[in-house]
C-alpha atoms as a PDB file:
ATOM      1  CA  MET A   1      22.514  14.480 -18.333  1.00  0.00           C
ATOM      2  CA  THR A   2      22.299  15.169 -22.082  1.00  0.00           C
ATOM      3  CA  ALA A   3      19.283  17.230 -23.021  1.00  0.00           C
ATOM      4  CA  GLY A   4      16.668  15.275 -24.971  1.00  0.00           C
ATOM      5  CA  PRO A   5      15.014  16.475 -28.164  1.00  0.00           C
ATOM      6  CA  ALA A   6      11.910  18.636 -27.977  1.00  0.00           C
ATOM      7  CA  PRO A   7       8.774  16.540 -27.636  1.00  0.00           C
ATOM      8  CA  GLY A   8       6.073  16.508 -30.297  1.00  0.00           C
ATOM      9  CA  ARG A   9       7.214  14.328 -33.215  1.00  0.00           C
ATOM     10  CA  ALA A  10       6.645  10.590 -32.932  1.00  0.00           C
ATOM     11  CA  ALA A  11      10.328   9.911 -33.687  1.00  0.00           C
ATOM     12  CA  ASP A  12      11.287  12.036 -30.672  1.00  0.00           C
ATOM     13  CA  ARG A  13       9.129  10.215 -28.132  1.00  0.00           C
ATOM     14  CA  ALA A  14      11.178   8.735 -25.290  1.00  0.00           C
ATOM     15  CA  ARG A  15      11.075   4.941 -25.414  1.00  0.00           C
ATOM     16  CA  THR A  16       9.885   4.179 -21.886  1.00  0.00           C
ATOM     17  CA  LEU A  17      10.001   0.987 -19.847  1.00  0.00           C
ATOM     18  CA  PHE A  18       7.489   0.737 -16.975  1.00  0.00           C
ATOM     19  CA  LEU A  19       8.002  -1.532 -13.963  1.00  0.00           C
ATOM     20  CA  GLY A  20       5.106  -1.947 -11.535  1.00  0.00           C
ATOM     21  CA  SER A  21       2.718  -4.446 -10.026  1.00  0.00           C
ATOM     22  CA  GLY A  22       0.169  -3.111  -7.527  1.00  0.00           C
ATOM     23  CA  THR A  23      -2.873  -0.853  -7.784  1.00  0.00           C
ATOM     24  CA  PHE A  24      -0.799   2.226  -6.879  1.00  0.00           C
ATOM     25  CA  ALA A  25       1.098   1.808 -10.153  1.00  0.00           C
ATOM     26  CA  VAL A  26      -1.897   1.679 -12.498  1.00  0.00           C
ATOM     27  CA  PRO A  27      -2.721   5.440 -12.677  1.00  0.00           C
ATOM     28  CA  ILE A  28       0.960   6.169 -13.248  1.00  0.00           C
ATOM     29  CA  LEU A  29       1.087   3.691 -16.127  1.00  0.00           C
ATOM     30  CA  ASP A  30      -2.113   5.203 -17.531  1.00  0.00           C
ATOM     31  CA  ALA A  31      -0.593   8.700 -17.413  1.00  0.00           C
ATOM     32  CA  LEU A  32       2.476   7.534 -19.317  1.00  0.00           C
ATOM     33  CA  LEU A  33       0.384   5.762 -21.944  1.00  0.00           C
ATOM     34  CA  ALA A  34      -1.571   8.983 -22.551  1.00  0.00           C
ATOM     35  CA  ASP A  35       1.478  11.251 -22.737  1.00  0.00           C
ATOM     36  CA  PRO A  36       2.639  12.160 -26.280  1.00  0.00           C
ATOM     37  CA  ARG A  37       6.201  12.724 -25.058  1.00  0.00           C
ATOM     38  CA  VAL A  38       6.785   9.030 -24.379  1.00  0.00           C
ATOM     39  CA  GLU A  39       6.208   5.668 -25.998  1.00  0.00           C
ATOM     40  CA  VAL A  40       5.729   2.817 -23.539  1.00  0.00           C
ATOM     41  CA  VAL A  41       7.695   0.020 -25.199  1.00  0.00           C
ATOM     42  CA  GLY A  42       7.338  -2.537 -22.437  1.00  0.00           C
ATOM     43  CA  VAL A  43       5.793  -3.237 -19.035  1.00  0.00           C
ATOM     44  CA  VAL A  44       7.506  -5.448 -16.472  1.00  0.00           C
ATOM     45  CA  THR A  45       5.422  -6.886 -13.642  1.00  0.00           C
ATOM     46  CA  ALA A  46       5.259  -9.877 -11.329  1.00  0.00           C
ATOM     47  CA  PRO A  47       4.063 -13.291 -12.594  1.00  0.00           C
ATOM     48  CA  ASP A  48       0.456 -14.334 -12.132  1.00  0.00           C
ATOM     49  CA  ARG A  49       0.052 -15.786  -8.618  1.00  0.00           C
ATOM     50  CA  PRO A  50      -2.264 -18.488  -7.263  1.00  0.00           C
ATOM     51  CA  ALA A  51      -4.932 -17.065  -4.962  1.00  0.00           C
ATOM     52  CA  GLY A  52      -8.010 -18.227  -3.052  1.00  0.00           C
ATOM     53  CA  ARG A  53      -9.084 -21.698  -2.102  1.00  0.00           C
ATOM     54  CA  GLY A  54      -9.049 -22.809  -5.719  1.00  0.00           C
ATOM     55  CA  ARG A  55      -5.510 -21.420  -6.181  1.00  0.00           C
ATOM     56  CA  THR A  56      -6.616 -19.681  -9.344  1.00  0.00           C
ATOM     57  CA  LEU A  57      -3.831 -17.773 -11.100  1.00  0.00           C
ATOM     58  CA  LEU A  58      -4.442 -14.037 -10.790  1.00  0.00           C
ATOM     59  CA  PRO A  59      -2.524 -11.347 -12.662  1.00  0.00           C
ATOM     60  CA  THR A  60      -1.265  -8.185 -10.996  1.00  0.00           C
ATOM     61  CA  PRO A  61      -3.337  -5.007 -11.516  1.00  0.00           C
ATOM     62  CA  VAL A  62      -0.594  -3.725 -13.827  1.00  0.00           C
ATOM     63  CA  ALA A  63      -0.633  -6.950 -15.894  1.00  0.00           C
ATOM     64  CA  LEU A  64      -4.405  -6.635 -16.284  1.00  0.00           C
ATOM     65  CA  ARG A  65      -4.042  -3.062 -17.530  1.00  0.00           C
ATOM     66  CA  ALA A  66      -1.204  -3.859 -19.935  1.00  0.00           C
ATOM     67  CA  ARG A  67      -3.080  -6.812 -21.426  1.00  0.00           C
ATOM     68  CA  ALA A  68      -6.226  -4.719 -21.905  1.00  0.00           C
ATOM     69  CA  LEU A  69      -4.219  -2.114 -23.833  1.00  0.00           C
ATOM     70  CA  TRP A  70      -2.026  -4.598 -25.739  1.00  0.00           C
ATOM     71  CA  VAL A  71       1.192  -3.221 -24.275  1.00  0.00           C
ATOM     72  CA  PRO A  72       4.194  -5.607 -24.494  1.00  0.00           C
ATOM     73  CA  LEU A  73       4.350  -7.408 -21.161  1.00  0.00           C
ATOM     74  CA  LEU A  74       7.141  -9.216 -19.322  1.00  0.00           C
ATOM     75  CA  GLN A  75       6.426 -11.181 -16.119  1.00  0.00           C
ATOM     76  CA  PRO A  76       9.723 -12.505 -14.816  1.00  0.00           C
ATOM     77  CA  ALA A  77      10.013 -14.199 -11.445  1.00  0.00           C
ATOM     78  CA  ARG A  78      13.408 -12.495 -10.973  1.00  0.00           C
ATOM     79  CA  VAL A  79      14.104  -9.288 -12.791  1.00  0.00           C
ATOM     80  CA  ARG A  80      17.824  -9.612 -12.070  1.00  0.00           C
ATOM     81  CA  ASP A  81      18.171 -12.810 -14.157  1.00  0.00           C
ATOM     82  CA  SER A  82      20.499 -12.318 -17.134  1.00  0.00           C
ATOM     83  CA  ASP A  83      17.964 -13.468 -19.710  1.00  0.00           C
ATOM     84  CA  VAL A  84      15.447 -10.917 -18.429  1.00  0.00           C
ATOM     85  CA  ILE A  85      18.051  -8.135 -18.592  1.00  0.00           C
ATOM     86  CA  ASP A  86      18.869  -9.177 -22.170  1.00  0.00           C
ATOM     87  CA  GLU A  87      15.193  -9.109 -23.127  1.00  0.00           C
ATOM     88  CA  VAL A  88      14.713  -5.652 -21.644  1.00  0.00           C
ATOM     89  CA  ALA A  89      17.856  -4.390 -23.401  1.00  0.00           C
ATOM     90  CA  LYS A  90      16.297  -5.348 -26.737  1.00  0.00           C
ATOM     91  CA  LEU A  91      13.556  -2.804 -26.088  1.00  0.00           C
ATOM     92  CA  ARG A  92      16.200  -0.017 -26.157  1.00  0.00           C
ATOM     93  CA  PRO A  93      14.529   2.099 -23.414  1.00  0.00           C
ATOM     94  CA  ASP A  94      15.450   5.769 -23.115  1.00  0.00           C
ATOM     95  CA  LEU A  95      13.713   6.057 -19.742  1.00  0.00           C
ATOM     96  CA  GLY A  96      12.497   3.767 -17.003  1.00  0.00           C
ATOM     97  CA  VAL A  97       9.626   4.500 -14.596  1.00  0.00           C
ATOM     98  CA  VAL A  98       9.046   2.337 -11.520  1.00  0.00           C
ATOM     99  CA  ALA A  99       6.070   2.312  -9.160  1.00  0.00           C
ATOM    100  CA  ASP A 100       5.012  -0.351  -6.642  1.00  0.00           C
ATOM    101  CA  PHE A 101       7.088  -2.985  -8.338  1.00  0.00           C
ATOM    102  CA  GLY A 102       8.034  -5.281  -5.470  1.00  0.00           C
ATOM    103  CA  GLN A 103      11.552  -6.287  -6.606  1.00  0.00           C
ATOM    104  CA  ILE A 104      14.980  -4.709  -6.282  1.00  0.00           C
ATOM    105  CA  VAL A 105      16.027  -3.427  -9.711  1.00  0.00           C
ATOM    106  CA  PRO A 106      19.631  -4.486 -10.422  1.00  0.00           C
ATOM    107  CA  ARG A 107      22.360  -2.100 -11.556  1.00  0.00           C
ATOM    108  CA  GLU A 108      22.419  -3.650 -15.050  1.00  0.00           C
ATOM    109  CA  LEU A 109      18.813  -2.517 -15.600  1.00  0.00           C
ATOM    110  CA  LEU A 110      19.270   0.841 -13.896  1.00  0.00           C
ATOM    111  CA  GLU A 111      22.062   1.677 -16.312  1.00  0.00           C
ATOM    112  CA  LEU A 112      20.206   0.738 -19.474  1.00  0.00           C
ATOM    113  CA  PRO A 113      18.122   3.881 -20.108  1.00  0.00           C
ATOM    114  CA  PRO A 114      20.148   7.054 -20.896  1.00  0.00           C
ATOM    115  CA  HIS A 115      17.623   9.099 -18.892  1.00  0.00           C
ATOM    116  CA  GLY A 116      17.840   6.735 -15.947  1.00  0.00           C
ATOM    117  CA  MET A 117      15.010   5.135 -13.984  1.00  0.00           C
ATOM    118  CA  LEU A 118      12.575   7.255 -11.993  1.00  0.00           C
ATOM    119  CA  ASN A 119      10.731   5.761  -9.025  1.00  0.00           C
ATOM    120  CA  VAL A 120       7.375   7.183  -7.861  1.00  0.00           C
ATOM    121  CA  HIS A 121       7.253   6.450  -4.112  1.00  0.00           C
ATOM    122  CA  PRO A 122       4.243   7.200  -1.876  1.00  0.00           C
ATOM    123  CA  SER A 123       5.968   8.910   1.033  1.00  0.00           C
ATOM    124  CA  LEU A 124       8.083  11.955   1.862  1.00  0.00           C
ATOM    125  CA  LEU A 125      11.478  10.353   1.502  1.00  0.00           C
ATOM    126  CA  PRO A 126      13.647   9.528   3.351  1.00  0.00           C
ATOM    127  CA  ARG A 127      10.743   8.771   5.725  1.00  0.00           C
ATOM    128  CA  HIS A 128       9.042   5.420   5.116  1.00  0.00           C
ATOM    129  CA  ARG A 129      11.370   3.786   2.629  1.00  0.00           C
ATOM    130  CA  GLY A 130      10.596   0.204   1.766  1.00  0.00           C
ATOM    131  CA  ALA A 131       7.597  -2.007   1.148  1.00  0.00           C
ATOM    132  CA  SER A 132       4.695  -0.438   3.076  1.00  0.00           C
ATOM    133  CA  PRO A 133       5.012   3.346   3.175  1.00  0.00           C
ATOM    134  CA  ILE A 134       1.276   4.091   2.978  1.00  0.00           C
ATOM    135  CA  GLN A 135       0.443   1.764   5.879  1.00  0.00           C
ATOM    136  CA  ALA A 136       3.360   3.193   7.891  1.00  0.00           C
ATOM    137  CA  THR A 137       2.174   6.771   7.290  1.00  0.00           C
ATOM    138  CA  ILE A 138      -1.271   6.021   8.721  1.00  0.00           C
ATOM    139  CA  ALA A 139      -0.021   3.845  11.572  1.00  0.00           C
ATOM    140  CA  ALA A 140       2.426   6.545  12.685  1.00  0.00           C
ATOM    141  CA  GLY A 141      -0.219   9.261  12.582  1.00  0.00           C
ATOM    142  CA  ASP A 142       1.932  11.461  10.316  1.00  0.00           C
ATOM    143  CA  PRO A 143       0.371  14.957   9.986  1.00  0.00           C
ATOM    144  CA  ARG A 144       1.678  15.282   6.402  1.00  0.00           C
ATOM    145  CA  THR A 145       2.466  12.851   3.646  1.00  0.00           C
ATOM    146  CA  GLY A 146       3.157  12.925  -0.069  1.00  0.00           C
ATOM    147  CA  VAL A 147       4.853  11.347  -3.029  1.00  0.00           C
ATOM    148  CA  THR A 148       8.532  11.514  -3.980  1.00  0.00           C
ATOM    149  CA  ILE A 149      10.026  10.963  -7.408  1.00  0.00           C
ATOM    150  CA  MET A 150      13.631   9.889  -7.177  1.00  0.00           C
ATOM    151  CA  ARG A 151      16.261   8.709  -9.633  1.00  0.00           C
ATOM    152  CA  MET A 152      16.845   5.109  -8.629  1.00  0.00           C
ATOM    153  CA  ASP A 153      20.156   3.782  -7.399  1.00  0.00           C
ATOM    154  CA  GLU A 154      21.051   0.334  -6.094  1.00  0.00           C
ATOM    155  CA  GLY A 155      19.823   1.084  -2.557  1.00  0.00           C
ATOM    156  CA  LEU A 156      16.327   0.626  -1.187  1.00  0.00           C
ATOM    157  CA  ASP A 157      14.593   3.927  -1.963  1.00  0.00           C
ATOM    158  CA  THR A 158      17.847   5.828  -1.372  1.00  0.00           C
ATOM    159  CA  GLY A 159      18.222   7.585  -4.724  1.00  0.00           C
ATOM    160  CA  PRO A 160      18.424  11.364  -5.186  1.00  0.00           C
ATOM    161  CA  ILE A 161      15.173  13.326  -5.214  1.00  0.00           C
ATOM    162  CA  VAL A 162      13.792  14.685  -8.494  1.00  0.00           C
ATOM    163  CA  ALA A 163      10.459  16.105  -7.205  1.00  0.00           C
ATOM    164  CA  ILE A 164       8.141  16.031  -4.195  1.00  0.00           C
ATOM    165  CA  SER A 165       4.460  16.792  -3.677  1.00  0.00           C
ATOM    166  CA  ASP A 166       3.045  16.889  -0.154  1.00  0.00           C
ATOM    167  CA  TRP A 167      -0.254  17.458   1.588  1.00  0.00           C
ATOM    168  CA  ALA A 168      -1.854  17.336   5.067  1.00  0.00           C
ATOM    169  CA  THR A 169      -3.422  14.079   6.231  1.00  0.00           C
ATOM    170  CA  THR A 170      -6.963  14.071   7.582  1.00  0.00           C
ATOM    171  CA  GLY A 171      -6.402  11.531  10.343  1.00  0.00           C
ATOM    172  CA  ALA A 172      -9.279   9.453   8.977  1.00  0.00           C
ATOM    173  CA  GLU A 173      -7.795   7.929   5.803  1.00  0.00           C
ATOM    174  CA  THR A 174      -7.768   4.208   5.228  1.00  0.00           C
ATOM    175  CA  ALA A 175      -4.909   2.615   3.305  1.00  0.00           C
ATOM    176  CA  PRO A 176      -6.919   2.200   0.083  1.00  0.00           C
ATOM    177  CA  GLU A 177      -8.032   5.856   0.246  1.00  0.00           C
ATOM    178  CA  LEU A 178      -4.528   7.182   0.815  1.00  0.00           C
ATOM    179  CA  GLU A 179      -3.107   4.899  -1.866  1.00  0.00           C
ATOM    180  CA  SER A 180      -5.640   6.182  -4.392  1.00  0.00           C
ATOM    181  CA  LYS A 181      -4.816   9.824  -3.628  1.00  0.00           C
ATOM    182  CA  ALA A 182      -1.063   9.186  -3.655  1.00  0.00           C
ATOM    183  CA  ALA A 183      -1.342   7.437  -7.031  1.00  0.00           C
ATOM    184  CA  ARG A 184      -3.211  10.395  -8.555  1.00  0.00           C
ATOM    185  CA  GLU A 185      -0.755  12.894  -7.069  1.00  0.00           C
ATOM    186  CA  GLY A 186       2.213  10.801  -8.193  1.00  0.00           C
ATOM    187  CA  ALA A 187       0.949  10.569 -11.736  1.00  0.00           C
ATOM    188  CA  ALA A 188       0.319  14.317 -11.877  1.00  0.00           C
ATOM    189  CA  LEU A 189       3.741  15.090 -10.429  1.00  0.00           C
ATOM    190  CA  LEU A 190       5.469  12.814 -12.919  1.00  0.00           C
ATOM    191  CA  MET A 191       3.665  14.440 -15.852  1.00  0.00           C
ATOM    192  CA  ALA A 192       4.492  17.947 -14.538  1.00  0.00           C
ATOM    193  CA  ARG A 193       8.227  17.268 -14.302  1.00  0.00           C
ATOM    194  CA  LEU A 194       8.774  14.764 -17.107  1.00  0.00           C
ATOM    195  CA  GLY A 195       9.538  17.319 -19.805  1.00  0.00           C
ATOM    196  CA  ASP A 196      12.180  19.071 -17.718  1.00  0.00           C
ATOM    197  CA  TRP A 197      13.685  15.725 -16.785  1.00  0.00           C
ATOM    198  CA  LEU A 198      13.978  14.565 -20.370  1.00  0.00           C
ATOM    199  CA  ALA A 199      15.471  17.923 -21.326  1.00  0.00           C
ATOM    200  CA  GLY A 200      18.175  17.523 -18.646  1.00  0.00           C
ATOM    201  CA  GLU A 201      16.987  20.583 -16.752  1.00  0.00           C
ATOM    202  CA  ILE A 202      16.513  18.898 -13.337  1.00  0.00           C
ATOM    203  CA  ARG A 203      19.478  18.200 -11.094  1.00  0.00           C
ATOM    204  CA  PRO A 204      18.369  15.591  -8.524  1.00  0.00           C
ATOM    205  CA  ARG A 205      19.363  16.385  -4.950  1.00  0.00           C
ATOM    206  CA  PRO A 206      20.550  13.825  -2.369  1.00  0.00           C
ATOM    207  CA  GLN A 207      18.058  12.714   0.224  1.00  0.00           C
ATOM    208  CA  PRO A 208      18.453  14.317   3.674  1.00  0.00           C
ATOM    209  CA  GLY A 209      20.955  12.544   5.908  1.00  0.00           C
ATOM    210  CA  SER A 210      18.500  12.388   8.828  1.00  0.00           C
ATOM    211  CA  GLY A 211      14.921  11.304   9.297  1.00  0.00           C
ATOM    212  CA  ALA A 212      15.170   8.032   7.373  1.00  0.00           C
ATOM    213  CA  THR A 213      12.859   5.199   8.379  1.00  0.00           C
ATOM    214  CA  LEU A 214      12.487   1.763   6.762  1.00  0.00           C
ATOM    215  CA  THR A 215       9.219  -0.155   6.399  1.00  0.00           C
ATOM    216  CA  ARG A 216       8.838  -3.862   5.759  1.00  0.00           C
ATOM    217  CA  ARG A 217       6.275  -6.020   3.999  1.00  0.00           C
ATOM    218  CA  LEU A 218       3.299  -6.708   6.285  1.00  0.00           C
ATOM    219  CA  ARG A 219       2.610 -10.273   7.410  1.00  0.00           C
ATOM    220  CA  ARG A 220      -0.511 -12.090   8.535  1.00  0.00           C
ATOM    221  CA  ALA A 221       0.756 -12.019  12.135  1.00  0.00           C
ATOM    222  CA  ASP A 222       0.637  -8.199  12.066  1.00  0.00           C
ATOM    223  CA  ALA A 223      -3.174  -8.361  12.149  1.00  0.00           C
ATOM    224  CA  LYS A 224      -3.209  -8.862  15.947  1.00  0.00           C
ATOM    225  CA  LEU A 225      -4.667  -5.956  17.927  1.00  0.00           C
ATOM    226  CA  ASP A 226      -2.649  -5.656  21.141  1.00  0.00           C
ATOM    227  CA  PRO A 227      -4.700  -4.124  23.991  1.00  0.00           C
ATOM    228  CA  GLY A 228      -1.452  -3.235  25.763  1.00  0.00           C
ATOM    229  CA  ARG A 229      -1.093  -0.394  23.225  1.00  0.00           C
ATOM    230  CA  PRO A 230      -3.156   2.821  23.367  1.00  0.00           C
ATOM    231  CA  ALA A 231      -6.542   2.717  21.689  1.00  0.00           C
ATOM    232  CA  ARG A 232      -5.551   5.597  19.383  1.00  0.00           C
ATOM    233  CA  GLU A 233      -2.680   3.537  17.998  1.00  0.00           C
ATOM    234  CA  LEU A 234      -4.963   0.556  17.458  1.00  0.00           C
ATOM    235  CA  GLU A 235      -7.505   2.712  15.592  1.00  0.00           C
ATOM    236  CA  ARG A 236      -4.741   3.831  13.260  1.00  0.00           C
ATOM    237  CA  GLN A 237      -3.705   0.210  12.792  1.00  0.00           C
ATOM    238  CA  VAL A 238      -7.233  -0.682  11.713  1.00  0.00           C
ATOM    239  CA  ARG A 239      -7.208   2.020   9.023  1.00  0.00           C
ATOM    240  CA  ALA A 240      -3.632   1.289   7.961  1.00  0.00           C
ATOM    241  CA  GLN A 241      -4.079  -2.447   7.485  1.00  0.00           C
ATOM    242  CA  LEU A 242      -7.228  -2.466   5.366  1.00  0.00           C
ATOM    243  CA  PRO A 243      -7.616  -4.730   3.456  1.00  0.00           C
ATOM    244  CA  TRP A 244      -4.398  -6.656   4.188  1.00  0.00           C
ATOM    245  CA  PRO A 245      -3.517  -8.077   6.638  1.00  0.00           C
ATOM    246  CA  GLY A 246      -6.483  -6.590   8.488  1.00  0.00           C
ATOM    247  CA  SER A 247      -6.765  -6.129  12.263  1.00  0.00           C
ATOM    248  CA  ALA A 248      -8.282  -8.802  14.505  1.00  0.00           C
ATOM    249  CA  ILE A 249      -8.785 -10.126  17.995  1.00  0.00           C
ATOM    250  CA  GLU A 250      -9.355 -13.681  19.120  1.00  0.00           C
ATOM    251  CA  THR A 251     -12.600 -13.994  21.082  1.00  0.00           C
ATOM    252  CA  ALA A 252     -14.581 -16.817  22.627  1.00  0.00           C
ATOM    253  CA  ALA A 253     -16.811 -16.653  19.519  1.00  0.00           C
ATOM    254  CA  GLY A 254     -13.856 -16.902  17.125  1.00  0.00           C
ATOM    255  CA  ARG A 255     -11.524 -14.606  15.257  1.00  0.00           C
ATOM    256  CA  LEU A 256     -13.102 -11.151  15.008  1.00  0.00           C
ATOM    257  CA  THR A 257     -11.778  -8.823  12.325  1.00  0.00           C
ATOM    258  CA  VAL A 258     -12.286  -5.121  12.995  1.00  0.00           C
ATOM    259  CA  GLN A 259     -13.203  -3.278   9.796  1.00  0.00           C
ATOM    260  CA  ARG A 260     -13.831   0.127  11.323  1.00  0.00           C
ATOM    261  CA  ALA A 261     -13.099   1.498  14.787  1.00  0.00           C
ATOM    262  CA  SER A 262     -13.078   4.709  16.818  1.00  0.00           C
ATOM    263  CA  VAL A 263     -11.628   5.799  20.133  1.00  0.00           C
ATOM    264  CA  ALA A 264     -13.352   6.639  23.419  1.00  0.00           C
ATOM    265  CA  PRO A 265     -12.015   7.388  26.898  1.00  0.00           C
ATOM    266  CA  SER A 266     -11.507   4.592  29.445  1.00  0.00           C
ATOM    267  CA  GLU A 267     -14.218   4.162  32.020  1.00  0.00           C
ATOM    268  CA  PRO A 268     -13.962   3.055  35.673  1.00  0.00           C
ATOM    269  CA  GLY A 269     -13.407  -0.679  35.984  1.00  0.00           C
ATOM    270  CA  ASP A 270     -11.955  -1.107  32.476  1.00  0.00           C
ATOM    271  CA  ASP A 271      -9.363  -3.883  32.372  1.00  0.00           C
ATOM    272  CA  ALA A 272      -7.046  -3.874  29.362  1.00  0.00           C
ATOM    273  CA  GLY A 273      -7.769  -6.800  27.098  1.00  0.00           C
ATOM    274  CA  THR A 274     -11.427  -7.122  28.094  1.00  0.00           C
ATOM    275  CA  LEU A 275     -14.416  -6.678  25.863  1.00  0.00           C
ATOM    276  CA  VAL A 276     -16.845  -4.122  27.317  1.00  0.00           C
ATOM    277  CA  ALA A 277     -20.261  -2.743  26.396  1.00  0.00           C
ATOM    278  CA  HIS A 278     -20.096   0.730  24.885  1.00  0.00           C
ATOM    279  CA  GLY A 279     -23.478   2.313  24.314  1.00  0.00           C
ATOM    280  CA  ASP A 280     -25.388  -0.322  22.340  1.00  0.00           C
ATOM    281  CA  GLY A 281     -22.153  -1.640  20.884  1.00  0.00           C
ATOM    282  CA  LEU A 282     -18.882  -3.249  21.849  1.00  0.00           C
ATOM    283  CA  ALA A 283     -15.401  -1.973  22.713  1.00  0.00           C
ATOM    284  CA  LEU A 284     -12.001  -3.325  23.602  1.00  0.00           C
ATOM    285  CA  ALA A 285     -10.530  -1.906  26.789  1.00  0.00           C
ATOM    286  CA  THR A 286      -6.858  -0.941  26.396  1.00  0.00           C
ATOM    287  CA  ASP A 287      -4.163   0.486  28.623  1.00  0.00           C
ATOM    288  CA  ASP A 288      -5.194   3.935  27.368  1.00  0.00           C
ATOM    289  CA  GLY A 289      -8.775   4.354  26.178  1.00  0.00           C
ATOM    290  CA  ARG A 290     -11.349   2.157  24.532  1.00  0.00           C
ATOM    291  CA  LEU A 291     -11.205   0.894  20.982  1.00  0.00           C
ATOM    292  CA  VAL A 292     -14.842   1.044  19.882  1.00  0.00           C
ATOM    293  CA  LEU A 293     -15.571  -1.752  17.411  1.00  0.00           C
ATOM    294  CA  ASP A 294     -17.817   0.050  14.951  1.00  0.00           C
ATOM    295  CA  GLU A 295     -17.830  -2.616  12.236  1.00  0.00           C
ATOM    296  CA  VAL A 296     -16.688  -6.195  12.695  1.00  0.00           C
ATOM    297  CA  GLN A 297     -16.727  -9.572  10.993  1.00  0.00           C
ATOM    298  CA  LEU A 298     -16.418 -13.081  12.371  1.00  0.00           C
ATOM    299  CA  ALA A 299     -14.409 -15.446  10.184  1.00  0.00           C
ATOM    300  CA  GLY A 300     -16.687 -16.799   7.467  1.00  0.00           C
ATOM    301  CA  ARG A 301     -19.558 -14.456   8.352  1.00  0.00           C
ATOM    302  CA  ARG A 302     -20.892 -11.198   6.997  1.00  0.00           C
ATOM    303  CA  GLN A 303     -19.789  -7.790   8.195  1.00  0.00           C
ATOM    304  CA  LEU A 304     -21.890  -6.255  11.005  1.00  0.00           C
ATOM    305  CA  THR A 305     -21.995  -3.076  13.025  1.00  0.00           C
ATOM    306  CA  GLY A 306     -20.785  -3.467  16.589  1.00  0.00           C
ATOM    307  CA  ALA A 307     -24.369  -3.151  17.866  1.00  0.00           C
ATOM    308  CA  GLU A 308     -25.663  -5.834  15.415  1.00  0.00           C
ATOM    309  CA  PHE A 309     -22.854  -8.160  16.416  1.00  0.00           C
ATOM    310  CA  LEU A 310     -23.382  -7.653  20.139  1.00  0.00           C
ATOM    311  CA  ARG A 311     -27.102  -8.482  19.942  1.00  0.00           C
ATOM    312  CA  GLY A 312     -26.140 -12.057  19.098  1.00  0.00           C
ATOM    313  CA  GLN A 313     -22.987 -12.271  21.229  1.00  0.00           C
ATOM    314  CA  ARG A 314     -23.779 -10.609  24.569  1.00  0.00           C
ATOM    315  CA  GLU A 315     -21.952 -13.397  26.388  1.00  0.00           C
ATOM    316  CA  LEU A 316     -18.689 -11.822  25.170  1.00  0.00           C
ATOM    317  CA  ILE A 317     -19.090  -8.866  27.520  1.00  0.00           C
ATOM    318  CA  GLY A 318     -16.457  -9.139  30.257  1.00  0.00           C
ATOM    319  CA  THR A 319     -14.434 -11.809  28.421  1.00  0.00           C
ATOM    320  CA  ARG A 320     -10.770 -11.332  27.516  1.00  0.00           C
ATOM    321  CA  VAL A 321      -9.407 -11.314  24.002  1.00  0.00           C
ATOM    322  CA  GLY A 322      -7.214 -14.262  23.216  1.00  0.00           C
ATOM    323  CA  ALA A 323      -9.761 -16.629  24.733  1.00  0.00           C
ATOM    324  CA  LYS A 324     -10.069 -20.046  23.126  1.00  0.00           C
ATOM    325  CA  PRO A 325     -12.940 -19.961  20.605  1.00  0.00           C
ATOM    326  CA  ALA A 326     -16.091 -21.916  21.421  1.00  0.00           C
ATOM    327  CA  ALA A 327     -16.943 -24.980  19.364  1.00  0.00           C
ATOM    328  CA  ALA A 328     -19.427 -22.978  17.303  1.00  0.00           C
ATOM    329  CA  PRO A 329     -21.443 -19.797  17.730  1.00  0.00           C
ATOM    330  CA  ALA A 330     -25.190 -20.169  18.207  1.00  0.00           C
ATOM    331  CA  ALA A 331     -26.813 -20.777  14.832  1.00  0.00           C
ATOM    332  CA  THR A 332     -29.755 -18.499  15.604  1.00  0.00           C
ATOM    333  CA  SER A 333     -27.744 -15.484  16.748  1.00  0.00           C
ATOM    334  CA  VAL A 334     -27.601 -12.301  14.679  1.00  0.00           C
ATOM    335  CA  GLY A 335     -23.808 -12.239  14.958  1.00  0.00           C
ATOM    336  CA  ALA A 336     -23.588 -15.676  13.369  1.00  0.00           C
ATOM    337  CA  SER A 337     -25.795 -14.883  10.396  1.00  0.00           C
ATOM    338  CA  ALA A 338     -24.375 -15.840   7.025  1.00  0.00           C
END
């Protein structure tokens, strides 16, 4: 790679294209906007999408940030379309930075910037490539995690590694908490290595040939809590899938979303798939341990502690999950409060 000019003068700032959509990408965009070595000449993100019952069009977090700062914004449905590539080419980017974008970047775009495109990915590549690395890290119970900056190629998170930062997990993180930390660490790592990258002083190294795993985009069906799995795995699922798609069981009172859970040993008489009393609260018996339902929410109701919920739904004790919901929960019960 040809060494870039020394940073400092406005004319020497690297014209930078940013591609991102989700909340993970926002701190990384902010770091670039504040860096005197670069000039963000354009932001590419997903189109506004209809959401909620009213199907109101909502912008991505990156679109909101770009609009607030008056950064040139492109929102193509397909970044690989030729007219989109032509529009990006007019920006004459020297560098591309990608984070939480959600689309495959085509070769024609990858080859536009002389300094290439750098992707900030929230996992220790090659582990957890793909769409849901943060959720996969928590669900797998990984003892360590991190962020990887790679030079993008045409594969799915397969490009050579530019830099890595790693840290120990606590075993208690939720997906939003880990995403927030990974975004901060990713922004800091990018800023620490950006000058050397622009100067051509970093030689990216190929990803290891072993240890690769691939994640996929989570679906609504993934919310189901399966009592045939160990309680410890289900507890990790609850933390990994906040806020989307959540983790839930079907009960005789209706669909019950578990917002916070913990693990306790099985007790004599536990039958996997059955709701059991646990102290003054509620637990789901599994094949290995109890999933204690610390905070729960019936569809359309407010969030309650397990003890608050159980005071209005004691008839659920001894019932099996997957039961057909009753016509309506009792209007006077605590668990059915609005």
